[in-house]
Amino acid sequence: MMKRLAALCMAATLSLAANARPDQLLAVYQGNRPPFSFRDAQGHVAGIEADVVTEALRRAGHRVAFLETPNVRLLPFRDGDGVDLAVSVRGSDGRGAYFSDEFVTFENIAISRRDRHIVLKSIADLDRYTFAIWQNGWRDLGPAFEARYRPSADGRFPPNYFQPTNQQAQNKMFWYGRVDVIVVDKQVFEWYRKQFSTEFDTAVELDRHAIFDPVTGFKVAFRDCGLRDAFNRALRAMRKDHSYERILERYASPGCRGCHVRPGNLSSN
């Protein structure tokens, strides 16, 4: 199944690349993660990530087209795939990819229903509960989390770890009650909390467990280092003239109503 999915993704990429304008760059991104990346009612790519990348590259003299792909297919670049950049990834220069400065940040937290009386004071406490996280989340929350939840040599995850195909499915899994805890960025959680309010009772009291480092940053990976440098210059200019801040405000979500923050000790023990 995964090989077939990879082949379909490659075919779609090559098709889009073949029809792209000569002055247009091709970016791959993980979609269905509002408010960071999604398609609006007209089917256009929208969200914080898309708007920041589009504006920064416009300032650098480039147009960009976006192709949605699963998180696991964002990197590495493959010869002949026509991809110029991968949006919202982590890493450092190597294997033909040049990484930008951090361009978006996520404030990740563990959230549970208060009536389940879940206590999380450290990452290790998650072992006692089932939880849902975004694709490849095991590698995004620091060495202690990665060591505990990375897949085994045969690709198996611990039995309490679930990573649905996208964050809509991740959030729905939580509201269905199929997991005890959701590990998620607070803006993503609030976006879906509002969206699912007619389907579930999302007004229930919740606990937020601060067991992770408060902010996780993500970058854009480029095939060309010169384009990466131009993107970084434009990004710095956007922060300086406050256009970056205005993009964030465009997608601002309300605070977590009915939530109580339970501080953790950010320890793996």
C-alpha atoms as a PDB file:
ATOM      1  CA  MET A   1       0.000   0.000   0.000  1.00  0.00           C
ATOM      2  CA  MET A   2       2.782   2.450   0.956  1.00  0.00           C
ATOM      3  CA  LYS A   3       4.665   1.697  -2.279  1.00  0.00           C
ATOM      4  CA  ARG A   4       1.493   2.345  -4.282  1.00  0.00           C
ATOM      5  CA  LEU A   5       0.907   5.620  -2.414  1.00  0.00           C
ATOM      6  CA  ALA A   6       4.493   6.703  -3.057  1.00  0.00           C
ATOM      7  CA  ALA A   7       4.097   5.900  -6.760  1.00  0.00           C
ATOM      8  CA  LEU A   8       0.864   7.910  -6.953  1.00  0.00           C
ATOM      9  CA  CYS A   9       2.517  10.843  -5.183  1.00  0.00           C
ATOM     10  CA  MET A  10       5.442  10.730  -7.598  1.00  0.00           C
ATOM     11  CA  ALA A  11       3.103  10.568 -10.602  1.00  0.00           C
ATOM     12  CA  ALA A  12       1.119  13.559  -9.333  1.00  0.00           C
ATOM     13  CA  THR A  13       4.325  15.500  -8.705  1.00  0.00           C
ATOM     14  CA  LEU A  14       5.690  14.800 -12.173  1.00  0.00           C
ATOM     15  CA  SER A  15       2.344  15.753 -13.736  1.00  0.00           C
ATOM     16  CA  LEU A  16       2.224  19.075 -11.896  1.00  0.00           C
ATOM     17  CA  ALA A  17       5.883  19.759 -12.629  1.00  0.00           C
ATOM     18  CA  ALA A  18       5.338  19.105 -16.335  1.00  0.00           C
ATOM     19  CA  ASN A  19       2.506  21.658 -16.428  1.00  0.00           C
ATOM     20  CA  ALA A  20       4.140  24.263 -14.187  1.00  0.00           C
ATOM     21  CA  ARG A  21       5.088  27.625 -15.611  1.00  0.00           C
ATOM     22  CA  PRO A  22       8.810  28.126 -16.287  1.00  0.00           C
ATOM     23  CA  ASP A  23       8.960  30.882 -13.652  1.00  0.00           C
ATOM     24  CA  GLN A  24       7.040  28.840 -11.091  1.00  0.00           C
ATOM     25  CA  LEU A  25       8.568  26.849  -8.257  1.00  0.00           C
ATOM     26  CA  LEU A  26       7.014  23.603  -7.035  1.00  0.00           C
ATOM     27  CA  ALA A  27       6.544  23.184  -3.267  1.00  0.00           C
ATOM     28  CA  VAL A  28       5.354  20.056  -1.493  1.00  0.00           C
ATOM     29  CA  TYR A  29       3.503  20.448   1.787  1.00  0.00           C
ATOM     30  CA  GLN A  30       1.426  18.427   4.212  1.00  0.00           C
ATOM     31  CA  GLY A  31      -2.143  19.630   3.894  1.00  0.00           C
ATOM     32  CA  ASN A  32      -5.234  19.452   6.076  1.00  0.00           C
ATOM     33  CA  ARG A  33      -3.568  21.106   9.076  1.00  0.00           C
ATOM     34  CA  PRO A  34      -5.495  24.338   9.541  1.00  0.00           C
ATOM     35  CA  PRO A  35      -4.716  27.044  10.420  1.00  0.00           C
ATOM     36  CA  PHE A  36      -1.213  26.237   9.145  1.00  0.00           C
ATOM     37  CA  SER A  37      -2.085  24.584   5.817  1.00  0.00           C
ATOM     38  CA  PHE A  38      -5.395  23.674   4.182  1.00  0.00           C
ATOM     39  CA  ARG A  39      -7.567  24.286   1.131  1.00  0.00           C
ATOM     40  CA  ASP A  40     -10.210  26.982   1.358  1.00  0.00           C
ATOM     41  CA  ALA A  41     -13.786  26.755   0.100  1.00  0.00           C
ATOM     42  CA  GLN A  42     -12.613  27.517  -3.438  1.00  0.00           C
ATOM     43  CA  GLY A  43      -9.974  24.793  -3.328  1.00  0.00           C
ATOM     44  CA  HIS A  44      -7.024  27.184  -3.058  1.00  0.00           C
ATOM     45  CA  VAL A  45      -4.072  26.426  -0.799  1.00  0.00           C
ATOM     46  CA  ALA A  46      -4.305  28.624   2.292  1.00  0.00           C
ATOM     47  CA  GLY A  47      -2.991  28.920   5.820  1.00  0.00           C
ATOM     48  CA  ILE A  48      -0.058  30.436   7.704  1.00  0.00           C
ATOM     49  CA  GLU A  49       2.586  28.284   6.020  1.00  0.00           C
ATOM     50  CA  ALA A  50       1.353  28.823   2.468  1.00  0.00           C
ATOM     51  CA  ASP A  51       0.906  32.561   2.927  1.00  0.00           C
ATOM     52  CA  VAL A  52       4.363  33.066   4.466  1.00  0.00           C
ATOM     53  CA  VAL A  53       6.108  30.966   1.802  1.00  0.00           C
ATOM     54  CA  THR A  54       4.186  32.612  -1.040  1.00  0.00           C
ATOM     55  CA  GLU A  55       4.966  36.134   0.163  1.00  0.00           C
ATOM     56  CA  ALA A  56       8.634  35.450   0.916  1.00  0.00           C
ATOM     57  CA  LEU A  57       9.206  33.886  -2.498  1.00  0.00           C
ATOM     58  CA  ARG A  58       7.269  36.693  -4.206  1.00  0.00           C
ATOM     59  CA  ARG A  59       9.714  39.144  -2.633  1.00  0.00           C
ATOM     60  CA  ALA A  60      12.532  36.971  -3.955  1.00  0.00           C
ATOM     61  CA  GLY A  61      11.051  37.186  -7.460  1.00  0.00           C
ATOM     62  CA  HIS A  62       9.357  33.794  -7.707  1.00  0.00           C
ATOM     63  CA  ARG A  63       5.899  32.305  -8.039  1.00  0.00           C
ATOM     64  CA  VAL A  64       5.123  29.034  -6.295  1.00  0.00           C
ATOM     65  CA  ALA A  65       2.662  26.181  -6.799  1.00  0.00           C
ATOM     66  CA  PHE A  66       1.813  23.788  -3.974  1.00  0.00           C
ATOM     67  CA  LEU A  67       1.368  20.026  -4.107  1.00  0.00           C
ATOM     68  CA  GLU A  68      -0.077  18.213  -1.104  1.00  0.00           C
ATOM     69  CA  THR A  69       1.730  15.065  -0.035  1.00  0.00           C
ATOM     70  CA  PRO A  70       1.878  12.904   3.110  1.00  0.00           C
ATOM     71  CA  ASN A  71       4.336  14.040   5.771  1.00  0.00           C
ATOM     72  CA  VAL A  72       6.449  10.939   5.212  1.00  0.00           C
ATOM     73  CA  ARG A  73       6.990  11.966   1.555  1.00  0.00           C
ATOM     74  CA  LEU A  74       8.139  15.543   2.146  1.00  0.00           C
ATOM     75  CA  LEU A  75      11.839  14.634   2.243  1.00  0.00           C
ATOM     76  CA  PRO A  76      14.248  13.720   0.840  1.00  0.00           C
ATOM     77  CA  PHE A  77      14.127  15.283  -2.621  1.00  0.00           C
ATOM     78  CA  ARG A  78      14.265  12.734  -5.438  1.00  0.00           C
ATOM     79  CA  ASP A  79      15.961  13.154  -8.784  1.00  0.00           C
ATOM     80  CA  GLY A  80      13.464  14.012 -11.492  1.00  0.00           C
ATOM     81  CA  ASP A  81      10.562  14.785  -9.154  1.00  0.00           C
ATOM     82  CA  GLY A  82      10.542  18.481 -10.097  1.00  0.00           C
ATOM     83  CA  VAL A  83      10.230  19.607  -6.478  1.00  0.00           C
ATOM     84  CA  ASP A  84      12.043  22.820  -5.508  1.00  0.00           C
ATOM     85  CA  LEU A  85      11.096  23.086  -1.835  1.00  0.00           C
ATOM     86  CA  ALA A  86       9.432  21.180   0.997  1.00  0.00           C
ATOM     87  CA  VAL A  87       7.372  23.173   3.486  1.00  0.00           C
ATOM     88  CA  SER A  88       7.420  22.754   7.269  1.00  0.00           C
ATOM     89  CA  VAL A  89      10.145  20.212   7.909  1.00  0.00           C
ATOM     90  CA  ARG A  90      12.938  19.800  10.437  1.00  0.00           C
ATOM     91  CA  GLY A  91      16.591  19.097   9.831  1.00  0.00           C
ATOM     92  CA  SER A  92      19.902  20.593   8.784  1.00  0.00           C
ATOM     93  CA  ASP A  93      21.708  20.907   5.471  1.00  0.00           C
ATOM     94  CA  GLY A  94      22.579  17.613   3.832  1.00  0.00           C
ATOM     95  CA  ARG A  95      21.491  15.043   1.234  1.00  0.00           C
ATOM     96  CA  GLY A  96      20.891  17.747  -1.353  1.00  0.00           C
ATOM     97  CA  ALA A  97      18.607  19.845   0.849  1.00  0.00           C
ATOM     98  CA  TYR A  98      19.263  23.310   2.263  1.00  0.00           C
ATOM     99  CA  PHE A  99      17.181  24.336   5.259  1.00  0.00           C
ATOM    100  CA  SER A 100      15.861  27.827   5.916  1.00  0.00           C
ATOM    101  CA  ASP A 101      15.587  29.667   9.191  1.00  0.00           C
ATOM    102  CA  GLU A 102      12.590  28.582  11.264  1.00  0.00           C
ATOM    103  CA  PHE A 103       9.538  30.114   9.605  1.00  0.00           C
ATOM    104  CA  VAL A 104       6.679  28.808  11.779  1.00  0.00           C
ATOM    105  CA  THR A 105       6.501  27.652  15.372  1.00  0.00           C
ATOM    106  CA  PHE A 106       4.140  25.245  17.068  1.00  0.00           C
ATOM    107  CA  GLU A 107       3.201  25.317  20.758  1.00  0.00           C
ATOM    108  CA  ASN A 108       2.650  21.636  21.425  1.00  0.00           C
ATOM    109  CA  ILE A 109       0.819  20.376  24.460  1.00  0.00           C
ATOM    110  CA  ALA A 110      -0.915  17.216  25.713  1.00  0.00           C
ATOM    111  CA  ILE A 111      -4.669  17.592  26.241  1.00  0.00           C
ATOM    112  CA  SER A 112      -7.089  15.246  28.007  1.00  0.00           C
ATOM    113  CA  ARG A 113     -10.694  15.298  29.179  1.00  0.00           C
ATOM    114  CA  ARG A 114     -10.854  16.363  32.803  1.00  0.00           C
ATOM    115  CA  ASP A 115     -13.353  13.626  33.693  1.00  0.00           C
ATOM    116  CA  ARG A 116     -10.690  11.015  32.885  1.00  0.00           C
ATOM    117  CA  HIS A 117      -8.510  12.358  35.711  1.00  0.00           C
ATOM    118  CA  ILE A 118      -5.300  11.919  33.743  1.00  0.00           C
ATOM    119  CA  VAL A 119      -2.069  12.997  35.396  1.00  0.00           C
ATOM    120  CA  LEU A 120       0.914  13.837  33.176  1.00  0.00           C
ATOM    121  CA  LYS A 121       3.945  15.353  34.834  1.00  0.00           C
ATOM    122  CA  SER A 122       6.544  14.090  32.382  1.00  0.00           C
ATOM    123  CA  ILE A 123       6.890  12.465  28.976  1.00  0.00           C
ATOM    124  CA  ALA A 124       7.320   9.074  30.647  1.00  0.00           C
ATOM    125  CA  ASP A 125       3.811   9.366  32.115  1.00  0.00           C
ATOM    126  CA  LEU A 126       2.386   9.032  28.601  1.00  0.00           C
ATOM    127  CA  ASP A 127       3.283   5.340  28.756  1.00  0.00           C
ATOM    128  CA  ARG A 128       0.178   4.795  30.889  1.00  0.00           C
ATOM    129  CA  TYR A 129      -2.230   6.230  28.307  1.00  0.00           C
ATOM    130  CA  THR A 130      -3.134   5.995  24.637  1.00  0.00           C
ATOM    131  CA  PHE A 131      -2.482   9.154  22.637  1.00  0.00           C
ATOM    132  CA  ALA A 132      -2.810  10.522  19.114  1.00  0.00           C
ATOM    133  CA  ILE A 133      -0.146  12.681  17.478  1.00  0.00           C
ATOM    134  CA  TRP A 134       0.559  14.032  13.987  1.00  0.00           C
ATOM    135  CA  GLN A 135       2.439  11.982  11.402  1.00  0.00           C
ATOM    136  CA  ASN A 136       6.091  11.495  12.369  1.00  0.00           C
ATOM    137  CA  GLY A 137       5.461  13.407  15.592  1.00  0.00           C
ATOM    138  CA  TRP A 138       7.812  11.033  17.403  1.00  0.00           C
ATOM    139  CA  ARG A 139      10.776  12.901  15.923  1.00  0.00           C
ATOM    140  CA  ASP A 140       9.550  16.455  16.575  1.00  0.00           C
ATOM    141  CA  LEU A 141       9.416  16.695  20.378  1.00  0.00           C
ATOM    142  CA  GLY A 142      13.000  16.279  21.468  1.00  0.00           C
ATOM    143  CA  PRO A 143      15.443  13.427  22.104  1.00  0.00           C
ATOM    144  CA  ALA A 144      13.635  11.985  25.137  1.00  0.00           C
ATOM    145  CA  PHE A 145      10.334  11.665  23.278  1.00  0.00           C
ATOM    146  CA  GLU A 146      12.015  10.294  20.160  1.00  0.00           C
ATOM    147  CA  ALA A 147      13.927   7.662  22.125  1.00  0.00           C
ATOM    148  CA  ARG A 148      10.700   6.463  23.738  1.00  0.00           C
ATOM    149  CA  TYR A 149       8.359   6.502  20.733  1.00  0.00           C
ATOM    150  CA  ARG A 150      10.406   6.062  17.580  1.00  0.00           C
ATOM    151  CA  PRO A 151       9.361   3.037  15.467  1.00  0.00           C
ATOM    152  CA  SER A 152      11.207  -0.236  15.840  1.00  0.00           C
ATOM    153  CA  ALA A 153      13.383  -1.691  13.078  1.00  0.00           C
ATOM    154  CA  ASP A 154      10.306  -3.356  11.566  1.00  0.00           C
ATOM    155  CA  GLY A 155       8.331  -0.091  11.611  1.00  0.00           C
ATOM    156  CA  ARG A 156       6.153  -0.814  14.643  1.00  0.00           C
ATOM    157  CA  PHE A 157       5.218   1.846  17.194  1.00  0.00           C
ATOM    158  CA  PRO A 158       4.463   1.296  20.887  1.00  0.00           C
ATOM    159  CA  PRO A 159       0.857   0.071  21.327  1.00  0.00           C
ATOM    160  CA  ASN A 160      -0.280   3.329  22.974  1.00  0.00           C
ATOM    161  CA  TYR A 161       1.050   5.557  20.151  1.00  0.00           C
ATOM    162  CA  PHE A 162      -1.209   6.500  17.201  1.00  0.00           C
ATOM    163  CA  GLN A 163      -0.397   8.820  14.280  1.00  0.00           C
ATOM    164  CA  PRO A 164      -3.424   9.206  11.959  1.00  0.00           C
ATOM    165  CA  THR A 165      -2.899  10.244   8.348  1.00  0.00           C
ATOM    166  CA  ASN A 166      -3.746  13.909   9.014  1.00  0.00           C
ATOM    167  CA  GLN A 167      -4.604  16.225  11.879  1.00  0.00           C
ATOM    168  CA  GLN A 168      -8.302  16.278  11.125  1.00  0.00           C
ATOM    169  CA  ALA A 169      -8.364  12.522  11.743  1.00  0.00           C
ATOM    170  CA  GLN A 170      -6.110  12.989  14.786  1.00  0.00           C
ATOM    171  CA  ASN A 171      -8.455  15.503  16.401  1.00  0.00           C
ATOM    172  CA  LYS A 172     -11.567  13.484  15.525  1.00  0.00           C
ATOM    173  CA  MET A 173      -9.955  10.432  17.137  1.00  0.00           C
ATOM    174  CA  PHE A 174      -9.669  12.401  20.362  1.00  0.00           C
ATOM    175  CA  TRP A 175     -13.245  13.688  20.309  1.00  0.00           C
ATOM    176  CA  TYR A 176     -14.567  10.197  19.565  1.00  0.00           C
ATOM    177  CA  GLY A 177     -12.810   9.112  22.762  1.00  0.00           C
ATOM    178  CA  ARG A 178     -10.658   6.506  21.046  1.00  0.00           C
ATOM    179  CA  VAL A 179      -7.530   7.790  22.793  1.00  0.00           C
ATOM    180  CA  ASP A 180      -6.974   9.218  26.242  1.00  0.00           C
ATOM    181  CA  VAL A 181      -4.751  12.113  25.189  1.00  0.00           C
ATOM    182  CA  ILE A 182      -4.065  14.232  22.132  1.00  0.00           C
ATOM    183  CA  VAL A 183      -0.608  15.726  21.562  1.00  0.00           C
ATOM    184  CA  VAL A 184      -1.140  18.764  19.362  1.00  0.00           C
ATOM    185  CA  ASP A 185      -0.371  22.411  18.678  1.00  0.00           C
ATOM    186  CA  LYS A 186      -2.808  24.574  20.614  1.00  0.00           C
ATOM    187  CA  GLN A 187      -3.902  26.560  17.521  1.00  0.00           C
ATOM    188  CA  VAL A 188      -4.585  23.397  15.534  1.00  0.00           C
ATOM    189  CA  PHE A 189      -6.583  21.985  18.444  1.00  0.00           C
ATOM    190  CA  GLU A 190      -8.738  25.093  18.803  1.00  0.00           C
ATOM    191  CA  TRP A 191      -9.394  25.229  15.051  1.00  0.00           C
ATOM    192  CA  TYR A 192     -10.785  21.698  15.032  1.00  0.00           C
ATOM    193  CA  ARG A 193     -12.542  22.163  18.355  1.00  0.00           C
ATOM    194  CA  LYS A 194     -14.631  24.853  16.744  1.00  0.00           C
ATOM    195  CA  GLN A 195     -15.137  22.837  13.549  1.00  0.00           C
ATOM    196  CA  PHE A 196     -16.331  19.747  15.438  1.00  0.00           C
ATOM    197  CA  SER A 197     -18.589  21.642  17.855  1.00  0.00           C
ATOM    198  CA  THR A 198     -21.758  20.544  16.029  1.00  0.00           C
ATOM    199  CA  GLU A 199     -20.672  16.899  15.895  1.00  0.00           C
ATOM    200  CA  PHE A 200     -19.271  16.467  19.415  1.00  0.00           C
ATOM    201  CA  ASP A 201     -19.642  18.102  22.806  1.00  0.00           C
ATOM    202  CA  THR A 202     -16.440  20.115  22.557  1.00  0.00           C
ATOM    203  CA  ALA A 203     -17.424  22.333  25.501  1.00  0.00           C
ATOM    204  CA  VAL A 204     -16.389  19.659  28.013  1.00  0.00           C
ATOM    205  CA  GLU A 205     -13.732  20.607  30.551  1.00  0.00           C
ATOM    206  CA  LEU A 206     -10.204  19.779  29.506  1.00  0.00           C
ATOM    207  CA  ASP A 207      -6.769  19.598  31.071  1.00  0.00           C
ATOM    208  CA  ARG A 208      -3.676  20.794  29.235  1.00  0.00           C
ATOM    209  CA  HIS A 209      -0.438  19.149  30.332  1.00  0.00           C
ATOM    210  CA  ALA A 210       2.744  21.179  29.764  1.00  0.00           C
ATOM    211  CA  ILE A 211       5.221  18.302  29.450  1.00  0.00           C
ATOM    212  CA  PHE A 212       7.035  19.413  26.279  1.00  0.00           C
ATOM    213  CA  ASP A 213       9.398  22.250  25.498  1.00  0.00           C
ATOM    214  CA  PRO A 214       7.050  25.179  24.869  1.00  0.00           C
ATOM    215  CA  VAL A 215       7.827  25.846  21.191  1.00  0.00           C
ATOM    216  CA  THR A 216       8.847  23.657  18.238  1.00  0.00           C
ATOM    217  CA  GLY A 217      10.140  25.401  15.120  1.00  0.00           C
ATOM    218  CA  PHE A 218       9.869  24.210  11.518  1.00  0.00           C
ATOM    219  CA  LYS A 219      11.765  25.176   8.382  1.00  0.00           C
ATOM    220  CA  VAL A 220      11.519  25.117   4.599  1.00  0.00           C
ATOM    221  CA  ALA A 221      13.927  22.794   2.769  1.00  0.00           C
ATOM    222  CA  PHE A 222      15.219  23.919  -0.628  1.00  0.00           C
ATOM    223  CA  ARG A 223      16.972  22.041  -3.385  1.00  0.00           C
ATOM    224  CA  ASP A 224      19.010  25.188  -4.192  1.00  0.00           C
ATOM    225  CA  CYS A 225      21.049  26.988  -1.510  1.00  0.00           C
ATOM    226  CA  GLY A 226      20.800  30.342  -3.308  1.00  0.00           C
ATOM    227  CA  LEU A 227      17.019  30.163  -3.253  1.00  0.00           C
ATOM    228  CA  ARG A 228      17.188  29.257   0.434  1.00  0.00           C
ATOM    229  CA  ASP A 229      19.293  32.340   1.137  1.00  0.00           C
ATOM    230  CA  ALA A 230      16.876  34.581  -0.790  1.00  0.00           C
ATOM    231  CA  PHE A 231      13.972  33.114   1.185  1.00  0.00           C
ATOM    232  CA  ASN A 232      15.753  33.818   4.479  1.00  0.00           C
ATOM    233  CA  ARG A 233      16.377  37.439   3.508  1.00  0.00           C
ATOM    234  CA  ALA A 234      12.743  37.918   2.570  1.00  0.00           C
ATOM    235  CA  LEU A 235      11.588  36.246   5.778  1.00  0.00           C
ATOM    236  CA  ARG A 236      13.706  38.597   7.881  1.00  0.00           C
ATOM    237  CA  ALA A 237      12.270  41.565   6.002  1.00  0.00           C
ATOM    238  CA  MET A 238       8.724  40.315   6.604  1.00  0.00           C
ATOM    239  CA  ARG A 239       9.359  40.101  10.332  1.00  0.00           C
ATOM    240  CA  LYS A 240      10.850  43.582  10.329  1.00  0.00           C
ATOM    241  CA  ASP A 241       7.971  45.272   8.482  1.00  0.00           C
ATOM    242  CA  HIS A 242       5.335  43.275  10.453  1.00  0.00           C
ATOM    243  CA  SER A 243       3.819  41.580   7.389  1.00  0.00           C
ATOM    244  CA  TYR A 244       4.670  38.233   8.993  1.00  0.00           C
ATOM    245  CA  GLU A 245       2.718  39.249  12.092  1.00  0.00           C
ATOM    246  CA  ARG A 246      -0.251  40.273   9.966  1.00  0.00           C
ATOM    247  CA  ILE A 247      -0.372  36.795   8.397  1.00  0.00           C
ATOM    248  CA  LEU A 248      -0.478  35.220  11.866  1.00  0.00           C
ATOM    249  CA  GLU A 249      -3.287  37.579  12.891  1.00  0.00           C
ATOM    250  CA  ARG A 250      -5.264  36.568   9.800  1.00  0.00           C
ATOM    251  CA  TYR A 251      -5.528  33.021  11.146  1.00  0.00           C
ATOM    252  CA  ALA A 252      -5.653  33.767  14.874  1.00  0.00           C
ATOM    253  CA  SER A 253      -7.815  31.414  16.914  1.00  0.00           C
ATOM    254  CA  PRO A 254      -9.445  31.970  20.321  1.00  0.00           C
ATOM    255  CA  GLY A 255      -7.860  30.714  23.531  1.00  0.00           C
ATOM    256  CA  CYS A 256      -8.631  27.297  24.977  1.00  0.00           C
ATOM    257  CA  ARG A 257     -11.952  27.753  26.739  1.00  0.00           C
ATOM    258  CA  GLY A 258     -12.676  25.402  29.602  1.00  0.00           C
ATOM    259  CA  CYS A 259      -9.039  24.334  29.805  1.00  0.00           C
ATOM    260  CA  HIS A 260      -6.871  24.056  32.866  1.00  0.00           C
ATOM    261  CA  VAL A 261      -3.118  23.984  32.437  1.00  0.00           C
ATOM    262  CA  ARG A 262      -1.333  21.375  34.510  1.00  0.00           C
ATOM    263  CA  PRO A 263       2.394  22.153  34.433  1.00  0.00           C
ATOM    264  CA  GLY A 264       4.844  19.301  33.945  1.00  0.00           C
ATOM    265  CA  ASN A 265       8.515  19.205  34.717  1.00  0.00           C
ATOM    266  CA  LEU A 266       9.665  18.708  31.098  1.00  0.00           C
ATOM    267  CA  SER A 267      11.494  15.582  32.228  1.00  0.00           C
ATOM    268  CA  SER A 268      11.703  12.199  30.565  1.00  0.00           C
ATOM    269  CA  ASN A 269      11.659  10.421  33.934  1.00  0.00           C
END
